[in-house]
Amino acid sequence: MPKRDRTLTDFGRNVARLRADRGYSQDKLAELSDIDRTYVSGIERGVRNPGIKAVLKLACALRVGVEELCEGVGK
């Protein structure tokens, strides 16, 4: 099994943490961000590399700036 990219796993962890902080299920976050739930799951697991449009949708749905979604990513 290939090693997961740390940047993607760090980003996914941030999304999952912020989602949980707000009490959202993956289904709810998917609905609010207009992103498929399986794609949200893949982002949180670090197996998907979301484009800028998806990142912006997630930030909006989670009511945070992109900088908070990316905090500690790639370090």
PDB file of N, CA and C in Angstrom:
ATOM      1  N   MET A   1       0.847  -1.184   0.000  1.00  0.00           N
ATOM      2  CA  MET A   1       0.000   0.000   0.000  1.00  0.00           C
ATOM      3  C   MET A   1       0.889   1.242   0.000  1.00  0.00           C
ATOM      4  N   PRO A   2       0.638   2.197  -0.903  1.00  0.00           N
ATOM      5  CA  PRO A   2       1.484   3.382  -0.964  1.00  0.00           C
ATOM      6  C   PRO A   2       1.323   4.260   0.271  1.00  0.00           C
ATOM      7  N   LYS A   3       2.399   4.934   0.619  1.00  0.00           N
ATOM      8  CA  LYS A   3       2.382   5.845   1.754  1.00  0.00           C
ATOM      9  C   LYS A   3       1.524   7.059   1.411  1.00  0.00           C
ATOM     10  N   ARG A   4       0.713   7.494   2.330  1.00  0.00           N
ATOM     11  CA  ARG A   4      -0.144   8.657   2.107  1.00  0.00           C
ATOM     12  C   ARG A   4       0.670   9.938   2.212  1.00  0.00           C
ATOM     13  N   ASP A   5       0.291  10.907   1.423  1.00  0.00           N
ATOM     14  CA  ASP A   5       0.939  12.215   1.407  1.00  0.00           C
ATOM     15  C   ASP A   5       0.596  12.959   2.698  1.00  0.00           C
ATOM     16  N   ARG A   6       1.615  13.415   3.404  1.00  0.00           N
ATOM     17  CA  ARG A   6       1.401  14.068   4.698  1.00  0.00           C
ATOM     18  C   ARG A   6       0.584  15.351   4.555  1.00  0.00           C
ATOM     19  N   THR A   7       0.797  16.077   3.475  1.00  0.00           N
ATOM     20  CA  THR A   7       0.027  17.303   3.256  1.00  0.00           C
ATOM     21  C   THR A   7      -1.461  16.993   3.206  1.00  0.00           C
ATOM     22  N   LEU A   8      -1.809  15.944   2.485  1.00  0.00           N
ATOM     23  CA  LEU A   8      -3.221  15.584   2.360  1.00  0.00           C
ATOM     24  C   LEU A   8      -3.794  15.049   3.663  1.00  0.00           C
ATOM     25  N   THR A   9      -3.008  14.266   4.402  1.00  0.00           N
ATOM     26  CA  THR A   9      -3.520  13.743   5.677  1.00  0.00           C
ATOM     27  C   THR A   9      -3.669  14.863   6.710  1.00  0.00           C
ATOM     28  N   ASP A  10      -2.739  15.808   6.730  1.00  0.00           N
ATOM     29  CA  ASP A  10      -2.854  16.952   7.647  1.00  0.00           C
ATOM     30  C   ASP A  10      -4.085  17.795   7.326  1.00  0.00           C
ATOM     31  N   PHE A  11      -4.288  18.051   6.037  1.00  0.00           N
ATOM     32  CA  PHE A  11      -5.464  18.823   5.619  1.00  0.00           C
ATOM     33  C   PHE A  11      -6.745  18.076   6.000  1.00  0.00           C
ATOM     34  N   GLY A  12      -6.778  16.796   5.717  1.00  0.00           N
ATOM     35  CA  GLY A  12      -7.949  15.986   6.045  1.00  0.00           C
ATOM     36  C   GLY A  12      -8.251  15.965   7.530  1.00  0.00           C
ATOM     37  N   ARG A  13      -7.202  15.897   8.335  1.00  0.00           N
ATOM     38  CA  ARG A  13      -7.382  15.930   9.791  1.00  0.00           C
ATOM     39  C   ARG A  13      -8.014  17.252  10.224  1.00  0.00           C
ATOM     40  N   ASN A  14      -7.570  18.354   9.612  1.00  0.00           N
ATOM     41  CA  ASN A  14      -8.149  19.661   9.938  1.00  0.00           C
ATOM     42  C   ASN A  14      -9.629  19.704   9.579  1.00  0.00           C
ATOM     43  N   VAL A  15      -9.980  19.204   8.411  1.00  0.00           N
ATOM     44  CA  VAL A  15     -11.383  19.186   7.997  1.00  0.00           C
ATOM     45  C   VAL A  15     -12.198  18.346   8.983  1.00  0.00           C
ATOM     46  N   ALA A  16     -11.716  17.173   9.318  1.00  0.00           N
ATOM     47  CA  ALA A  16     -12.439  16.291  10.236  1.00  0.00           C
ATOM     48  C   ALA A  16     -12.600  16.931  11.615  1.00  0.00           C
ATOM     49  N   ARG A  17     -11.551  17.581  12.104  1.00  0.00           N
ATOM     50  CA  ARG A  17     -11.608  18.229  13.427  1.00  0.00           C
ATOM     51  C   ARG A  17     -12.625  19.362  13.429  1.00  0.00           C
ATOM     52  N   LEU A  18     -12.561  20.219  12.416  1.00  0.00           N
ATOM     53  CA  LEU A  18     -13.486  21.345  12.345  1.00  0.00           C
ATOM     54  C   LEU A  18     -14.929  20.858  12.167  1.00  0.00           C
ATOM     55  N   ARG A  19     -15.108  19.816  11.390  1.00  0.00           N
ATOM     56  CA  ARG A  19     -16.443  19.236  11.205  1.00  0.00           C
ATOM     57  C   ARG A  19     -16.987  18.719  12.536  1.00  0.00           C
ATOM     58  N   ALA A  20     -16.151  17.982  13.258  1.00  0.00           N
ATOM     59  CA  ALA A  20     -16.568  17.431  14.550  1.00  0.00           C
ATOM     60  C   ALA A  20     -16.839  18.547  15.561  1.00  0.00           C
ATOM     61  N   ASP A  21     -16.008  19.594  15.552  1.00  0.00           N
ATOM     62  CA  ASP A  21     -16.211  20.730  16.458  1.00  0.00           C
ATOM     63  C   ASP A  21     -17.586  21.366  16.268  1.00  0.00           C
ATOM     64  N   ARG A  22     -18.079  21.321  15.040  1.00  0.00           N
ATOM     65  CA  ARG A  22     -19.374  21.923  14.743  1.00  0.00           C
ATOM     66  C   ARG A  22     -20.529  20.932  14.895  1.00  0.00           C
ATOM     67  N   GLY A  23     -20.195  19.697  15.213  1.00  0.00           N
ATOM     68  CA  GLY A  23     -21.225  18.684  15.402  1.00  0.00           C
ATOM     69  C   GLY A  23     -21.835  18.190  14.100  1.00  0.00           C
ATOM     70  N   TYR A  24     -21.120  18.366  13.000  1.00  0.00           N
ATOM     71  CA  TYR A  24     -21.612  17.932  11.695  1.00  0.00           C
ATOM     72  C   TYR A  24     -21.206  16.494  11.416  1.00  0.00           C
ATOM     73  N   SER A  25     -22.089  15.772  10.796  1.00  0.00           N
ATOM     74  CA  SER A  25     -21.731  14.471  10.236  1.00  0.00           C
ATOM     75  C   SER A  25     -21.083  14.739   8.871  1.00  0.00           C
ATOM     76  N   GLN A  26     -20.469  13.718   8.306  1.00  0.00           N
ATOM     77  CA  GLN A  26     -19.939  13.875   6.949  1.00  0.00           C
ATOM     78  C   GLN A  26     -21.069  14.181   5.978  1.00  0.00           C
ATOM     79  N   ASP A  27     -22.225  13.571   6.201  1.00  0.00           N
ATOM     80  CA  ASP A  27     -23.384  13.841   5.343  1.00  0.00           C
ATOM     81  C   ASP A  27     -23.785  15.312   5.403  1.00  0.00           C
ATOM     82  N   LYS A  28     -23.797  15.872   6.597  1.00  0.00           N
ATOM     83  CA  LYS A  28     -24.190  17.282   6.764  1.00  0.00           C
ATOM     84  C   LYS A  28     -23.165  18.196   6.096  1.00  0.00           C
ATOM     85  N   LEU A  29     -21.876  17.920   6.302  1.00  0.00           N
ATOM     86  CA  LEU A  29     -20.845  18.745   5.668  1.00  0.00           C
ATOM     87  C   LEU A  29     -20.943  18.636   4.153  1.00  0.00           C
ATOM     88  N   ALA A  30     -21.200  17.453   3.657  1.00  0.00           N
ATOM     89  CA  ALA A  30     -21.352  17.255   2.215  1.00  0.00           C
ATOM     90  C   ALA A  30     -22.522  18.084   1.686  1.00  0.00           C
ATOM     91  N   GLU A  31     -23.618  18.065   2.410  1.00  0.00           N
ATOM     92  CA  GLU A  31     -24.799  18.837   2.004  1.00  0.00           C
ATOM     93  C   GLU A  31     -24.497  20.333   2.002  1.00  0.00           C
ATOM     94  N   LEU A  32     -23.892  20.819   3.075  1.00  0.00           N
ATOM     95  CA  LEU A  32     -23.604  22.252   3.200  1.00  0.00           C
ATOM     96  C   LEU A  32     -22.584  22.740   2.173  1.00  0.00           C
ATOM     97  N   SER A  33     -21.648  21.872   1.810  1.00  0.00           N
ATOM     98  CA  SER A  33     -20.589  22.272   0.887  1.00  0.00           C
ATOM     99  C   SER A  33     -20.876  21.895  -0.562  1.00  0.00           C
ATOM    100  N   ASP A  34     -21.965  21.168  -0.784  1.00  0.00           N
ATOM    101  CA  ASP A  34     -22.318  20.678  -2.122  1.00  0.00           C
ATOM    102  C   ASP A  34     -21.196  19.831  -2.720  1.00  0.00           C
ATOM    103  N   ILE A  35     -20.655  18.951  -1.864  1.00  0.00           N
ATOM    104  CA  ILE A  35     -19.612  17.997  -2.254  1.00  0.00           C
ATOM    105  C   ILE A  35     -20.134  16.606  -1.882  1.00  0.00           C
ATOM    106  N   ASP A  36     -19.905  15.631  -2.725  1.00  0.00           N
ATOM    107  CA  ASP A  36     -20.356  14.272  -2.447  1.00  0.00           C
ATOM    108  C   ASP A  36     -19.763  13.758  -1.134  1.00  0.00           C
ATOM    109  N   ARG A  37     -20.578  13.041  -0.348  1.00  0.00           N
ATOM    110  CA  ARG A  37     -20.117  12.550   0.951  1.00  0.00           C
ATOM    111  C   ARG A  37     -18.906  11.636   0.829  1.00  0.00           C
ATOM    112  N   THR A  38     -18.851  10.826  -0.193  1.00  0.00           N
ATOM    113  CA  THR A  38     -17.696   9.934  -0.339  1.00  0.00           C
ATOM    114  C   THR A  38     -16.427  10.724  -0.637  1.00  0.00           C
ATOM    115  N   TYR A  39     -16.571  11.864  -1.304  1.00  0.00           N
ATOM    116  CA  TYR A  39     -15.415  12.730  -1.577  1.00  0.00           C
ATOM    117  C   TYR A  39     -14.953  13.387  -0.270  1.00  0.00           C
ATOM    118  N   VAL A  40     -15.912  13.836   0.554  1.00  0.00           N
ATOM    119  CA  VAL A  40     -15.571  14.402   1.866  1.00  0.00           C
ATOM    120  C   VAL A  40     -14.818  13.360   2.691  1.00  0.00           C
ATOM    121  N   SER A  41     -15.301  12.136   2.679  1.00  0.00           N
ATOM    122  CA  SER A  41     -14.627  11.058   3.400  1.00  0.00           C
ATOM    123  C   SER A  41     -13.201  10.868   2.894  1.00  0.00           C
ATOM    124  N   GLY A  42     -13.026  10.875   1.586  1.00  0.00           N
ATOM    125  CA  GLY A  42     -11.696  10.730   1.003  1.00  0.00           C
ATOM    126  C   GLY A  42     -10.760  11.866   1.386  1.00  0.00           C
ATOM    127  N   ILE A  43     -11.294  13.079   1.453  1.00  0.00           N
ATOM    128  CA  ILE A  43     -10.488  14.233   1.887  1.00  0.00           C
ATOM    129  C   ILE A  43     -10.038  14.015   3.330  1.00  0.00           C
ATOM    130  N   GLU A  44     -10.970  13.647   4.192  1.00  0.00           N
ATOM    131  CA  GLU A  44     -10.638  13.455   5.611  1.00  0.00           C
ATOM    132  C   GLU A  44      -9.638  12.329   5.820  1.00  0.00           C
ATOM    133  N   ARG A  45      -9.669  11.311   4.965  1.00  0.00           N
ATOM    134  CA  ARG A  45      -8.719  10.202   5.082  1.00  0.00           C
ATOM    135  C   ARG A  45      -7.385  10.496   4.406  1.00  0.00           C
ATOM    136  N   GLY A  46      -7.298  11.608   3.697  1.00  0.00           N
ATOM    137  CA  GLY A  46      -6.057  11.974   3.038  1.00  0.00           C
ATOM    138  C   GLY A  46      -5.797  11.229   1.743  1.00  0.00           C
ATOM    139  N   VAL A  47      -6.842  10.688   1.141  1.00  0.00           N
ATOM    140  CA  VAL A  47      -6.676   9.970  -0.127  1.00  0.00           C
ATOM    141  C   VAL A  47      -7.168  10.791  -1.317  1.00  0.00           C
ATOM    142  N   ARG A  48      -7.765  11.928  -1.059  1.00  0.00           N
ATOM    143  CA  ARG A  48      -8.215  12.834  -2.114  1.00  0.00           C
ATOM    144  C   ARG A  48      -7.428  14.136  -2.025  1.00  0.00           C
ATOM    145  N   ASN A  49      -7.133  14.698  -3.181  1.00  0.00           N
ATOM    146  CA  ASN A  49      -6.427  15.970  -3.268  1.00  0.00           C
ATOM    147  C   ASN A  49      -7.415  17.001  -3.806  1.00  0.00           C
ATOM    148  N   PRO A  50      -8.119  17.716  -2.897  1.00  0.00           N
ATOM    149  CA  PRO A  50      -9.177  18.612  -3.343  1.00  0.00           C
ATOM    150  C   PRO A  50      -8.625  19.829  -4.082  1.00  0.00           C
ATOM    151  N   GLY A  51      -9.351  20.259  -5.091  1.00  0.00           N
ATOM    152  CA  GLY A  51      -9.010  21.473  -5.812  1.00  0.00           C
ATOM    153  C   GLY A  51      -9.432  22.697  -5.027  1.00  0.00           C
ATOM    154  N   ILE A  52      -9.044  23.850  -5.531  1.00  0.00           N
ATOM    155  CA  ILE A  52      -9.320  25.099  -4.820  1.00  0.00           C
ATOM    156  C   ILE A  52     -10.826  25.332  -4.647  1.00  0.00           C
ATOM    157  N   LYS A  53     -11.636  24.953  -5.632  1.00  0.00           N
ATOM    158  CA  LYS A  53     -13.084  25.144  -5.483  1.00  0.00           C
ATOM    159  C   LYS A  53     -13.641  24.315  -4.334  1.00  0.00           C
ATOM    160  N   ALA A  54     -13.173  23.090  -4.190  1.00  0.00           N
ATOM    161  CA  ALA A  54     -13.625  22.240  -3.081  1.00  0.00           C
ATOM    162  C   ALA A  54     -13.150  22.798  -1.743  1.00  0.00           C
ATOM    163  N   VAL A  55     -11.922  23.292  -1.700  1.00  0.00           N
ATOM    164  CA  VAL A  55     -11.393  23.879  -0.462  1.00  0.00           C
ATOM    165  C   VAL A  55     -12.230  25.091  -0.066  1.00  0.00           C
ATOM    166  N   LEU A  56     -12.573  25.927  -1.033  1.00  0.00           N
ATOM    167  CA  LEU A  56     -13.389  27.104  -0.737  1.00  0.00           C
ATOM    168  C   LEU A  56     -14.787  26.712  -0.265  1.00  0.00           C
ATOM    169  N   LYS A  57     -15.373  25.689  -0.874  1.00  0.00           N
ATOM    170  CA  LYS A  57     -16.689  25.214  -0.447  1.00  0.00           C
ATOM    171  C   LYS A  57     -16.647  24.684   0.980  1.00  0.00           C
ATOM    172  N   LEU A  58     -15.593  23.936   1.307  1.00  0.00           N
ATOM    173  CA  LEU A  58     -15.454  23.409   2.665  1.00  0.00           C
ATOM    174  C   LEU A  58     -15.277  24.540   3.668  1.00  0.00           C
ATOM    175  N   ALA A  59     -14.436  25.511   3.340  1.00  0.00           N
ATOM    176  CA  ALA A  59     -14.213  26.640   4.246  1.00  0.00           C
ATOM    177  C   ALA A  59     -15.522  27.380   4.506  1.00  0.00           C
ATOM    178  N   CYS A  60     -16.284  27.608   3.462  1.00  0.00           N
ATOM    179  CA  CYS A  60     -17.568  28.300   3.601  1.00  0.00           C
ATOM    180  C   CYS A  60     -18.527  27.486   4.467  1.00  0.00           C
ATOM    181  N   ALA A  61     -18.640  26.199   4.203  1.00  0.00           N
ATOM    182  CA  ALA A  61     -19.549  25.331   4.962  1.00  0.00           C
ATOM    183  C   ALA A  61     -19.150  25.245   6.434  1.00  0.00           C
ATOM    184  N   LEU A  62     -17.850  25.273   6.692  1.00  0.00           N
ATOM    185  CA  LEU A  62     -17.355  25.180   8.069  1.00  0.00           C
ATOM    186  C   LEU A  62     -17.225  26.544   8.745  1.00  0.00           C
ATOM    187  N   ARG A  63     -17.495  27.600   7.979  1.00  0.00           N
ATOM    188  CA  ARG A  63     -17.432  28.981   8.484  1.00  0.00           C
ATOM    189  C   ARG A  63     -16.039  29.333   9.014  1.00  0.00           C
ATOM    190  N   VAL A  64     -15.029  28.989   8.227  1.00  0.00           N
ATOM    191  CA  VAL A  64     -13.647  29.324   8.564  1.00  0.00           C
ATOM    192  C   VAL A  64     -12.958  29.848   7.304  1.00  0.00           C
ATOM    193  N   GLY A  65     -11.809  30.459   7.496  1.00  0.00           N
ATOM    194  CA  GLY A  65     -11.005  30.872   6.359  1.00  0.00           C
ATOM    195  C   GLY A  65     -10.172  29.703   5.860  1.00  0.00           C
ATOM    196  N   VAL A  66      -9.725  29.818   4.639  1.00  0.00           N
ATOM    197  CA  VAL A  66      -8.868  28.783   4.061  1.00  0.00           C
ATOM    198  C   VAL A  66      -7.617  28.593   4.909  1.00  0.00           C
ATOM    199  N   GLU A  67      -7.110  29.680   5.473  1.00  0.00           N
ATOM    200  CA  GLU A  67      -5.903  29.585   6.300  1.00  0.00           C
ATOM    201  C   GLU A  67      -6.103  28.670   7.505  1.00  0.00           C
ATOM    202  N   GLU A  68      -7.306  28.642   8.073  1.00  0.00           N
ATOM    203  CA  GLU A  68      -7.570  27.741   9.204  1.00  0.00           C
ATOM    204  C   GLU A  68      -7.640  26.285   8.735  1.00  0.00           C
ATOM    205  N   LEU A  69      -8.207  26.060   7.562  1.00  0.00           N
ATOM    206  CA  LEU A  69      -8.233  24.697   7.007  1.00  0.00           C
ATOM    207  C   LEU A  69      -6.813  24.194   6.745  1.00  0.00           C
ATOM    208  N   CYS A  70      -5.925  25.116   6.407  1.00  0.00           N
ATOM    209  CA  CYS A  70      -4.552  24.733   6.028  1.00  0.00           C
ATOM    210  C   CYS A  70      -3.548  24.879   7.169  1.00  0.00           C
ATOM    211  N   GLU A  71      -4.016  25.213   8.349  1.00  0.00           N
ATOM    212  CA  GLU A  71      -3.116  25.411   9.490  1.00  0.00           C
ATOM    213  C   GLU A  71      -2.294  24.155   9.774  1.00  0.00           C
ATOM    214  N   GLY A  72      -0.981  24.308   9.774  1.00  0.00           N
ATOM    215  CA  GLY A  72      -0.070  23.206  10.075  1.00  0.00           C
ATOM    216  C   GLY A  72       0.134  22.225   8.937  1.00  0.00           C
ATOM    217  N   VAL A  73      -0.468  22.491   7.796  1.00  0.00           N
ATOM    218  CA  VAL A  73      -0.358  21.582   6.650  1.00  0.00           C
ATOM    219  C   VAL A  73       0.983  21.801   5.944  1.00  0.00           C
ATOM    220  N   GLY A  74       1.660  20.702   5.661  1.00  0.00           N
ATOM    221  CA  GLY A  74       2.910  20.770   4.917  1.00  0.00           C
ATOM    222  C   GLY A  74       4.121  21.159   5.748  1.00  0.00           C
ATOM    223  N   LYS A  75       3.991  21.107   7.054  1.00  0.00           N
ATOM    224  CA  LYS A  75       5.127  21.475   7.913  1.00  0.00           C
ATOM    225  C   LYS A  75       5.807  20.245   8.449  1.00  0.00           C
TER     226      LYS A  75
END
